[in-house]
Amino acid sequence: MKKPSKQELILDAIIQTYLKSRMPIGSLELQMKMTLGISPSTIRIYFKKLSDVGSLEQLHVSGGRVPTHRALMGYWQEKLDPTHPLEIKNIDKIKRSSHEHNLFCIVEKTANSPFKELVTVQNRFLILVFDEHEVVLKFNAKVEQFLQRLFGCQMRELKDISAQVGLYELHEKLSAIFSQAPILREGEREMYSIAQELQNEAFIQRFQTLHFVESITDGLYFDGFVPQGCMAIKQKAQLKDEDTTVDFFCFGRIESDFEEFFNQVKE
């Protein structure tokens, strides 16, 4: 792994300090926080370089620096890995930490899992096995034969197919799974506060759609899907206390300390 340069270390230190304080950072303050033995005058030189490349900005002539939106985007892309499942101790941790960091969070059972197995029970029942769910139907030899051609099909796709071919019992039971309420939906006040501040309510309707989390891929989301100045992350999570896999969605201002939030919910 490539060793970070002094400029990269200084930018990281500025961002980490800013995430904690939300205040502009001066060279003397940063020098006291860093352990590299860099003088304030040298830090000021790097401040100038980082400002020239668009990583820092100075809100007031006599004030310290703050990281730009672009720098914060780069920082989160480097620090957070949404492709790696998050281990969460329990739901209460998310409730407390989401309020502390002013974040909007949704946790819901992963519904769109693949159709993995079909079990026939004494020619009386058919059991469709998914990762987190099982669906029981009355036995029908033609239905059994039809379903055997659909292994690997995602649950949502199977729900749509069942409606198209007239398997109404299956469609009704799969629809019931998708209509289940989220395990957790916390921080709506913060979501509305951001909408009011930015005069942008378009994203709220999307966030209120039932199971919208399931419809988006794991990843980091910036301008476009969320308002400018905000960030969202969607990833799989493992609830340790319940030994179950869930979809986890988190949204807030880009300067929110997402890193500290994730550290807290894992403890």
Protein backbone atom coordinates (compact mmCIF):
# COMPACT_ATOMS: atom_id res chain seq x y z
CA MET A 1 0.00 0.00 0.00
CA LYS A 2 1.32 3.43 -0.96
CA LYS A 3 2.44 5.56 1.98
CA PRO A 4 0.36 8.76 2.22
CA SER A 5 2.15 12.03 1.55
CA LYS A 6 2.40 14.84 4.10
CA GLN A 7 -0.20 16.76 2.14
CA GLU A 8 -2.62 13.80 2.32
CA LEU A 9 -1.97 13.34 6.04
CA ILE A 10 -2.62 17.03 6.70
CA LEU A 11 -5.86 16.95 4.69
CA ASP A 12 -7.01 13.85 6.60
CA ALA A 13 -6.21 15.55 9.91
CA ILE A 14 -8.11 18.69 8.88
CA ILE A 15 -11.18 16.69 7.86
CA GLN A 16 -11.15 14.56 11.03
CA THR A 17 -10.85 17.68 13.19
CA TYR A 18 -13.59 19.45 11.24
CA LEU A 19 -15.98 16.48 11.56
CA LYS A 20 -15.66 16.71 15.34
CA SER A 21 -15.92 20.49 15.72
CA ARG A 22 -17.64 21.78 12.53
CA MET A 23 -15.37 24.82 12.95
CA PRO A 24 -12.61 26.26 10.70
CA ILE A 25 -9.16 24.91 11.57
CA GLY A 26 -6.04 27.06 11.93
CA SER A 27 -2.43 25.96 11.46
CA LEU A 28 -1.54 26.20 15.18
CA GLU A 29 -4.59 24.17 16.22
CA LEU A 30 -3.77 21.48 13.66
CA GLN A 31 -0.10 21.38 14.67
CA MET A 32 -1.15 20.64 18.26
CA LYS A 33 -3.36 17.75 17.12
CA MET A 34 -0.85 16.11 14.78
CA THR A 35 2.07 13.97 15.92
CA LEU A 36 4.32 14.47 12.89
CA GLY A 37 6.29 17.40 14.30
CA ILE A 38 5.31 19.74 11.45
CA SER A 39 5.60 23.44 12.26
CA PRO A 40 2.63 25.83 11.89
CA SER A 41 4.48 27.71 9.13
CA THR A 42 4.92 24.49 7.13
CA ILE A 43 1.26 23.60 7.69
CA ARG A 44 0.29 27.02 6.31
CA ILE A 45 2.22 26.22 3.13
CA TYR A 46 0.21 23.00 2.77
CA PHE A 47 -2.98 24.92 3.52
CA LYS A 48 -2.19 27.09 0.49
CA LYS A 49 -1.45 24.06 -1.70
CA LEU A 50 -4.65 22.30 -0.64
CA SER A 51 -6.66 25.45 -1.27
CA ASP A 52 -5.13 25.79 -4.74
CA VAL A 53 -6.25 22.25 -5.68
CA GLY A 54 -9.77 22.78 -4.34
CA SER A 55 -9.53 20.66 -1.18
CA LEU A 56 -9.76 23.51 1.35
CA GLU A 57 -11.52 26.83 1.47
CA GLN A 58 -11.27 29.87 3.73
CA LEU A 59 -14.65 31.26 4.74
CA HIS A 60 -13.15 34.48 6.15
CA VAL A 61 -9.88 36.23 5.32
CA SER A 62 -8.57 35.99 8.88
CA GLY A 63 -10.14 32.60 9.65
CA GLY A 64 -9.00 29.00 9.42
CA ARG A 65 -9.72 26.49 6.68
CA VAL A 66 -12.55 24.02 6.16
CA PRO A 67 -12.64 21.05 3.77
CA THR A 68 -14.58 21.54 0.54
CA HIS A 69 -17.50 19.39 -0.55
CA ARG A 70 -15.19 17.66 -3.04
CA ALA A 71 -12.63 16.88 -0.33
CA LEU A 72 -15.31 15.39 1.93
CA MET A 73 -16.60 13.24 -0.92
CA GLY A 74 -13.10 11.90 -1.52
CA TYR A 75 -12.60 11.29 2.21
CA TRP A 76 -15.77 9.20 2.56
CA GLN A 77 -15.04 7.26 -0.62
CA GLU A 78 -11.68 6.37 0.90
CA LYS A 79 -12.87 5.58 4.44
CA LEU A 80 -16.21 3.80 3.93
CA ASP A 81 -16.65 0.47 2.16
CA PRO A 82 -20.35 -0.22 1.44
CA THR A 83 -19.50 -3.52 -0.29
CA HIS A 84 -18.41 -5.00 3.04
CA PRO A 85 -21.30 -6.02 5.38
CA LEU A 86 -21.48 -3.97 8.56
CA GLU A 87 -21.68 -5.81 11.88
CA ILE A 88 -24.18 -4.14 14.22
CA LYS A 89 -24.51 -5.12 17.87
CA ASN A 90 -28.21 -4.24 18.18
CA ILE A 91 -30.92 -1.88 16.97
CA ASP A 92 -30.79 0.32 20.09
CA LYS A 93 -27.23 1.32 19.18
CA ILE A 94 -28.47 2.72 15.88
CA LYS A 95 -31.32 4.61 17.56
CA ARG A 96 -29.01 6.36 20.02
CA SER A 97 -26.19 7.08 17.60
CA SER A 98 -28.43 8.34 14.78
CA HIS A 99 -29.79 11.04 17.12
CA GLU A 100 -26.31 11.93 18.35
CA HIS A 101 -25.03 12.46 14.80
CA ASN A 102 -28.27 13.85 13.30
CA LEU A 103 -28.69 11.04 10.78
CA PHE A 104 -31.75 9.45 9.17
CA CYS A 105 -31.52 5.63 9.21
CA ILE A 106 -33.58 2.74 7.91
CA VAL A 107 -33.03 -0.93 8.76
CA GLU A 108 -35.17 -3.51 7.02
CA LYS A 109 -35.00 -7.22 6.38
CA THR A 110 -33.49 -8.09 3.04
CA ALA A 111 -36.53 -9.06 0.99
CA ASN A 112 -35.09 -9.33 -2.51
CA SER A 113 -33.14 -12.56 -2.05
CA PRO A 114 -32.82 -15.40 -4.60
CA PHE A 115 -35.13 -18.40 -4.82
CA LYS A 116 -32.78 -21.16 -3.63
CA GLU A 117 -34.74 -24.35 -3.03
CA LEU A 118 -38.15 -25.97 -3.50
CA VAL A 119 -39.19 -28.55 -0.90
CA THR A 120 -42.15 -30.90 -1.43
CA VAL A 121 -43.81 -32.12 1.78
CA GLN A 122 -45.78 -35.36 1.33
CA ASN A 123 -47.47 -34.03 -1.81
CA ARG A 124 -49.39 -31.64 0.45
CA PHE A 125 -47.24 -28.52 0.48
CA LEU A 126 -44.58 -26.74 -1.56
CA ILE A 127 -42.02 -24.71 0.40
CA LEU A 128 -40.08 -22.02 -1.47
CA VAL A 129 -36.80 -21.30 0.33
CA PHE A 130 -35.11 -17.87 0.15
CA ASP A 131 -32.17 -16.52 2.19
CA GLU A 132 -34.29 -15.00 4.96
CA HIS A 133 -37.79 -16.27 4.17
CA GLU A 134 -39.80 -19.39 3.41
CA VAL A 135 -43.13 -19.38 1.55
CA VAL A 136 -45.57 -22.30 1.88
CA LEU A 137 -48.06 -23.13 -0.89
CA LYS A 138 -50.62 -25.87 -1.37
CA PHE A 139 -49.13 -28.68 -3.45
CA ASN A 140 -49.75 -28.64 -7.17
CA ALA A 141 -47.68 -30.80 -9.52
CA LYS A 142 -47.84 -28.28 -12.39
CA VAL A 143 -46.82 -25.43 -10.09
CA GLU A 144 -43.95 -27.54 -8.76
CA GLN A 145 -42.73 -28.21 -12.30
CA PHE A 146 -43.02 -24.52 -13.22
CA LEU A 147 -41.16 -23.29 -10.13
CA GLN A 148 -38.27 -25.71 -10.68
CA ARG A 149 -37.36 -23.66 -13.76
CA LEU A 150 -37.05 -20.47 -11.70
CA PHE A 151 -34.24 -21.27 -9.24
CA GLY A 152 -31.99 -18.23 -8.76
CA CYS A 153 -34.80 -15.83 -9.61
CA GLN A 154 -34.95 -12.80 -7.27
CA MET A 155 -37.95 -12.61 -4.96
CA ARG A 156 -39.30 -9.39 -6.51
CA GLU A 157 -39.01 -10.85 -10.01
CA LEU A 158 -40.77 -14.03 -8.86
CA LYS A 159 -43.56 -11.92 -7.36
CA ASP A 160 -44.11 -10.21 -10.72
CA ILE A 161 -43.97 -13.50 -12.64
CA SER A 162 -46.49 -15.12 -10.29
CA ALA A 163 -48.99 -12.35 -11.03
CA GLN A 164 -48.46 -12.67 -14.78
CA VAL A 165 -49.07 -16.45 -14.86
CA GLY A 166 -51.94 -16.49 -12.38
CA LEU A 167 -50.19 -17.97 -9.32
CA TYR A 168 -52.19 -15.69 -7.04
CA GLU A 169 -51.47 -17.54 -3.78
CA LEU A 170 -47.73 -17.10 -4.35
CA HIS A 171 -48.13 -13.48 -5.45
CA GLU A 172 -50.16 -12.64 -2.35
CA LYS A 173 -47.63 -14.21 0.04
CA LEU A 174 -44.62 -12.57 -1.62
CA SER A 175 -46.43 -9.22 -1.63
CA ALA A 176 -47.02 -9.60 2.12
CA ILE A 177 -43.27 -9.99 2.67
CA PHE A 178 -42.53 -6.81 0.71
CA SER A 179 -45.20 -4.87 2.61
CA GLN A 180 -43.66 -5.54 6.03
CA ALA A 181 -42.67 -2.40 7.91
CA PRO A 182 -38.95 -1.66 8.41
CA ILE A 183 -37.29 -2.94 11.58
CA LEU A 184 -36.15 0.63 12.26
CA ARG A 185 -36.88 4.05 10.78
CA GLU A 186 -35.17 6.73 12.84
CA GLY A 187 -34.28 10.40 12.39
CA GLU A 188 -37.13 11.71 10.24
CA ARG A 189 -36.96 15.08 12.03
CA GLU A 190 -33.40 15.51 10.79
CA MET A 191 -34.45 14.58 7.25
CA TYR A 192 -37.16 17.26 7.26
CA SER A 193 -34.75 19.78 8.79
CA ILE A 194 -32.32 19.25 5.90
CA ALA A 195 -35.14 19.56 3.37
CA GLN A 196 -36.28 22.84 4.91
CA GLU A 197 -32.75 24.25 5.11
CA LEU A 198 -31.95 23.35 1.49
CA GLN A 199 -35.47 24.15 0.24
CA ASN A 200 -35.50 20.74 -1.41
CA GLU A 201 -38.22 18.27 -0.54
CA ALA A 202 -38.02 16.10 -3.66
CA PHE A 203 -35.94 13.42 -1.94
CA ILE A 204 -38.40 13.03 0.97
CA GLN A 205 -41.05 11.40 -1.18
CA ARG A 206 -38.48 8.86 -2.37
CA PHE A 207 -37.35 8.10 1.18
CA GLN A 208 -40.95 7.58 2.30
CA THR A 209 -41.67 4.94 -0.35
CA LEU A 210 -41.98 1.55 1.32
CA HIS A 211 -38.88 -0.59 0.71
CA PHE A 212 -37.14 1.97 -1.52
CA VAL A 213 -33.90 0.80 0.18
CA GLU A 214 -34.27 -2.64 -1.40
CA SER A 215 -34.50 -1.05 -4.86
CA ILE A 216 -31.08 0.67 -4.75
CA THR A 217 -27.67 -0.98 -4.93
CA ASP A 218 -25.11 -0.97 -2.14
CA GLY A 219 -22.93 2.12 -2.37
CA LEU A 220 -22.28 5.75 -1.47
CA TYR A 221 -24.66 8.37 -2.85
CA PHE A 222 -23.89 12.06 -3.29
CA ASP A 223 -25.31 14.86 -5.47
CA GLY A 224 -28.29 13.79 -7.53
CA PHE A 225 -29.82 10.94 -5.57
CA VAL A 226 -29.53 13.12 -2.45
CA PRO A 227 -29.38 16.94 -2.27
CA GLN A 228 -26.03 18.65 -2.73
CA GLY A 229 -24.19 18.87 0.57
CA CYS A 230 -25.58 15.54 1.74
CA MET A 231 -24.54 11.90 1.58
CA ALA A 232 -26.25 8.53 1.84
CA ILE A 233 -24.86 5.03 2.21
CA LYS A 234 -26.62 1.72 1.63
CA GLN A 235 -25.07 -1.60 2.57
CA LYS A 236 -25.82 -5.01 4.01
CA ALA A 237 -25.55 -5.40 7.78
CA GLN A 238 -25.46 -8.30 10.19
CA LEU A 239 -27.49 -7.87 13.40
CA LYS A 240 -25.43 -9.82 15.94
CA ASP A 241 -28.13 -10.09 18.60
CA GLU A 242 -30.66 -11.52 16.13
CA ASP A 243 -28.24 -13.32 13.79
CA THR A 244 -29.97 -11.91 10.72
CA THR A 245 -28.92 -10.00 7.60
CA VAL A 246 -30.60 -6.68 6.88
CA ASP A 247 -30.46 -3.77 4.46
CA PHE A 248 -29.06 -0.64 6.13
CA PHE A 249 -29.54 2.91 4.81
CA CYS A 250 -28.10 6.06 6.36
CA PHE A 251 -28.51 9.69 5.23
CA GLY A 252 -27.24 13.02 6.51
CA ARG A 253 -25.16 16.09 5.80
CA ILE A 254 -21.82 15.23 4.23
CA GLU A 255 -20.01 16.84 7.18
CA SER A 256 -21.72 14.49 9.66
CA ASP A 257 -19.28 12.13 11.35
CA PHE A 258 -20.39 8.92 9.63
CA GLU A 259 -17.13 7.21 10.63
CA GLU A 260 -17.75 7.74 14.35
CA PHE A 261 -21.39 6.70 13.90
CA PHE A 262 -20.39 3.37 12.36
CA ASN A 263 -17.80 2.79 15.08
CA GLN A 264 -20.48 3.33 17.74
CA VAL A 265 -23.07 0.96 16.26
CA LYS A 266 -20.46 -1.81 15.98
CA GLU A 267 -19.38 -1.60 19.64
